[in-house]
Amino acid sequence: MADIKNVNSTNFEEEVLKSELPVMVDFWANWCAPCRAFMPVIEKVAADSEGKFKVVKLDIDEAHELAVQYKVKTIPTLMVFKDGKVSSTHIGRTSLENVMKMFE
């Protein structure tokens, strides 16, 4: 299984904005049942993406200012960052296929 790194306000810039690879950020919270139910899809994306892009998780309770900055109002929210900018966003649970299409 691929390593899914947790990011926060301390390492977000280095891990996401300055990454040479595209990065999918999963905005989530531990109390969010849909977020926990969506975790197997996120893990599969991470396992299938090694070397092509990174997958990280951002707990909105621990990094609330980043959730506000990126206007995350509902979780789970997925954002793909390329060259430090958001290139695609998906709100709510979805299929593995739809998540993978975010990188196209």
C-alpha atoms as a PDB file:
ATOM      1  CA  MET A   1       0.000   0.000   0.000  1.00  0.00           C
ATOM      2  CA  ALA A   2       1.211   3.482  -0.845  1.00  0.00           C
ATOM      3  CA  ASP A   3       2.146   5.970   1.813  1.00  0.00           C
ATOM      4  CA  ILE A   4      -0.432   8.723   2.237  1.00  0.00           C
ATOM      5  CA  LYS A   5       1.206  11.643   3.958  1.00  0.00           C
ATOM      6  CA  ASN A   6      -0.690  13.963   6.269  1.00  0.00           C
ATOM      7  CA  VAL A   7      -0.183  17.631   5.493  1.00  0.00           C
ATOM      8  CA  ASN A   8      -0.918  20.693   7.588  1.00  0.00           C
ATOM      9  CA  SER A   9      -0.112  24.385   7.611  1.00  0.00           C
ATOM     10  CA  THR A  10       3.528  23.631   8.472  1.00  0.00           C
ATOM     11  CA  ASN A  11       4.328  21.369   5.506  1.00  0.00           C
ATOM     12  CA  PHE A  12       1.591  22.204   2.957  1.00  0.00           C
ATOM     13  CA  GLU A  13       3.735  24.560   0.899  1.00  0.00           C
ATOM     14  CA  GLU A  14       6.639  22.105   0.640  1.00  0.00           C
ATOM     15  CA  GLU A  15       4.563  18.934   0.099  1.00  0.00           C
ATOM     16  CA  VAL A  16       1.858  20.361  -2.170  1.00  0.00           C
ATOM     17  CA  LEU A  17       2.614  23.772  -3.659  1.00  0.00           C
ATOM     18  CA  LYS A  18       6.299  23.094  -4.394  1.00  0.00           C
ATOM     19  CA  SER A  19       5.884  19.465  -5.466  1.00  0.00           C
ATOM     20  CA  GLU A  20       7.283  18.537  -8.866  1.00  0.00           C
ATOM     21  CA  LEU A  21       4.573  15.874  -9.183  1.00  0.00           C
ATOM     22  CA  PRO A  22       0.844  16.651  -9.251  1.00  0.00           C
ATOM     23  CA  VAL A  23      -0.666  16.273  -5.775  1.00  0.00           C
ATOM     24  CA  MET A  24      -4.170  15.192  -4.806  1.00  0.00           C
ATOM     25  CA  VAL A  25      -5.208  16.662  -1.458  1.00  0.00           C
ATOM     26  CA  ASP A  26      -8.007  14.900   0.399  1.00  0.00           C
ATOM     27  CA  PHE A  27      -9.633  17.470   2.698  1.00  0.00           C
ATOM     28  CA  TRP A  28     -11.246  15.408   5.456  1.00  0.00           C
ATOM     29  CA  ALA A  29     -11.906  15.085   9.209  1.00  0.00           C
ATOM     30  CA  ASN A  30     -11.829  12.087  11.513  1.00  0.00           C
ATOM     31  CA  TRP A  31     -15.449  12.662  12.636  1.00  0.00           C
ATOM     32  CA  CYS A  32     -16.701  12.605   9.004  1.00  0.00           C
ATOM     33  CA  ALA A  33     -18.298   9.214   8.254  1.00  0.00           C
ATOM     34  CA  PRO A  34     -18.369   9.779   4.443  1.00  0.00           C
ATOM     35  CA  CYS A  35     -14.652  10.666   4.596  1.00  0.00           C
ATOM     36  CA  ARG A  36     -13.850   7.415   6.403  1.00  0.00           C
ATOM     37  CA  ALA A  37     -16.033   5.432   3.972  1.00  0.00           C
ATOM     38  CA  PHE A  38     -14.161   7.053   1.054  1.00  0.00           C
ATOM     39  CA  MET A  39     -10.747   6.036   2.434  1.00  0.00           C
ATOM     40  CA  PRO A  40     -10.462   2.744   0.456  1.00  0.00           C
ATOM     41  CA  VAL A  41     -10.785   4.723  -2.799  1.00  0.00           C
ATOM     42  CA  ILE A  42      -8.128   7.200  -1.662  1.00  0.00           C
ATOM     43  CA  GLU A  43      -5.815   4.323  -0.694  1.00  0.00           C
ATOM     44  CA  LYS A  44      -6.336   2.667  -4.097  1.00  0.00           C
ATOM     45  CA  VAL A  45      -5.573   5.946  -5.902  1.00  0.00           C
ATOM     46  CA  ALA A  46      -2.382   6.321  -3.863  1.00  0.00           C
ATOM     47  CA  ALA A  47      -1.320   2.730  -4.576  1.00  0.00           C
ATOM     48  CA  ASP A  48      -1.972   3.099  -8.319  1.00  0.00           C
ATOM     49  CA  SER A  49      -0.242   6.472  -8.572  1.00  0.00           C
ATOM     50  CA  GLU A  50       3.193   5.924  -7.069  1.00  0.00           C
ATOM     51  CA  GLY A  51       5.771   7.819  -9.081  1.00  0.00           C
ATOM     52  CA  LYS A  52       3.124   9.604 -11.184  1.00  0.00           C
ATOM     53  CA  PHE A  53       1.537  11.838  -8.554  1.00  0.00           C
ATOM     54  CA  LYS A  54       1.229  12.174  -4.793  1.00  0.00           C
ATOM     55  CA  VAL A  55      -1.784  11.691  -2.546  1.00  0.00           C
ATOM     56  CA  VAL A  56      -1.959  13.541   0.774  1.00  0.00           C
ATOM     57  CA  LYS A  57      -4.614  14.056   3.450  1.00  0.00           C
ATOM     58  CA  LEU A  58      -5.395  17.354   5.159  1.00  0.00           C
ATOM     59  CA  ASP A  59      -7.463  17.272   8.365  1.00  0.00           C
ATOM     60  CA  ILE A  60      -9.604  20.415   8.226  1.00  0.00           C
ATOM     61  CA  ASP A  61      -9.737  20.588  12.020  1.00  0.00           C
ATOM     62  CA  GLU A  62      -5.933  20.677  12.272  1.00  0.00           C
ATOM     63  CA  ALA A  63      -5.417  23.054   9.330  1.00  0.00           C
ATOM     64  CA  HIS A  64      -8.614  25.081   9.366  1.00  0.00           C
ATOM     65  CA  GLU A  65      -6.926  28.112   7.785  1.00  0.00           C
ATOM     66  CA  LEU A  66      -6.039  26.066   4.675  1.00  0.00           C
ATOM     67  CA  ALA A  67      -9.612  24.782   4.379  1.00  0.00           C
ATOM     68  CA  VAL A  68     -10.820  28.382   4.518  1.00  0.00           C
ATOM     69  CA  GLN A  69      -8.154  29.567   2.054  1.00  0.00           C
ATOM     70  CA  TYR A  70      -9.223  26.938  -0.495  1.00  0.00           C
ATOM     71  CA  LYS A  71     -12.941  27.509   0.221  1.00  0.00           C
ATOM     72  CA  VAL A  72     -13.611  23.953   1.414  1.00  0.00           C
ATOM     73  CA  LYS A  73     -17.173  23.985   2.731  1.00  0.00           C
ATOM     74  CA  THR A  74     -18.054  20.274   2.423  1.00  0.00           C
ATOM     75  CA  ILE A  75     -15.967  17.188   3.068  1.00  0.00           C
ATOM     76  CA  PRO A  76     -14.672  15.041   1.631  1.00  0.00           C
ATOM     77  CA  THR A  77     -13.287  17.435  -0.959  1.00  0.00           C
ATOM     78  CA  LEU A  78     -10.509  16.415  -3.340  1.00  0.00           C
ATOM     79  CA  MET A  79      -8.256  18.956  -5.059  1.00  0.00           C
ATOM     80  CA  VAL A  80      -5.489  18.220  -7.524  1.00  0.00           C
ATOM     81  CA  PHE A  81      -2.626  20.721  -7.477  1.00  0.00           C
ATOM     82  CA  LYS A  82      -0.295  21.072 -10.466  1.00  0.00           C
ATOM     83  CA  ASP A  83       2.565  23.557 -10.371  1.00  0.00           C
ATOM     84  CA  GLY A  84       1.232  24.982  -7.112  1.00  0.00           C
ATOM     85  CA  LYS A  85      -2.266  25.704  -8.424  1.00  0.00           C
ATOM     86  CA  VAL A  86      -5.587  23.868  -8.151  1.00  0.00           C
ATOM     87  CA  SER A  87      -6.250  22.141 -11.486  1.00  0.00           C
ATOM     88  CA  SER A  88      -9.385  20.174 -10.534  1.00  0.00           C
ATOM     89  CA  THR A  89     -11.784  19.765  -7.619  1.00  0.00           C
ATOM     90  CA  HIS A  90     -14.376  17.188  -6.634  1.00  0.00           C
ATOM     91  CA  ILE A  91     -16.746  17.492  -3.676  1.00  0.00           C
ATOM     92  CA  GLY A  92     -18.157  14.371  -2.046  1.00  0.00           C
ATOM     93  CA  ARG A  93     -17.555  10.677  -2.571  1.00  0.00           C
ATOM     94  CA  THR A  94     -17.165   9.299  -6.073  1.00  0.00           C
ATOM     95  CA  SER A  95     -15.789   6.320  -7.952  1.00  0.00           C
ATOM     96  CA  LEU A  96     -12.142   5.432  -8.408  1.00  0.00           C
ATOM     97  CA  GLU A  97     -12.520   6.130 -12.137  1.00  0.00           C
ATOM     98  CA  ASN A  98     -13.789   9.654 -11.507  1.00  0.00           C
ATOM     99  CA  VAL A  99     -10.962  10.367  -9.096  1.00  0.00           C
ATOM    100  CA  MET A 100      -8.376   9.199 -11.623  1.00  0.00           C
ATOM    101  CA  LYS A 101      -9.929  11.464 -14.286  1.00  0.00           C
ATOM    102  CA  MET A 102      -9.026  14.441 -12.081  1.00  0.00           C
ATOM    103  CA  PHE A 103      -5.393  14.000 -13.133  1.00  0.00           C
ATOM    104  CA  GLU A 104      -6.076  14.202 -16.885  1.00  0.00           C
END
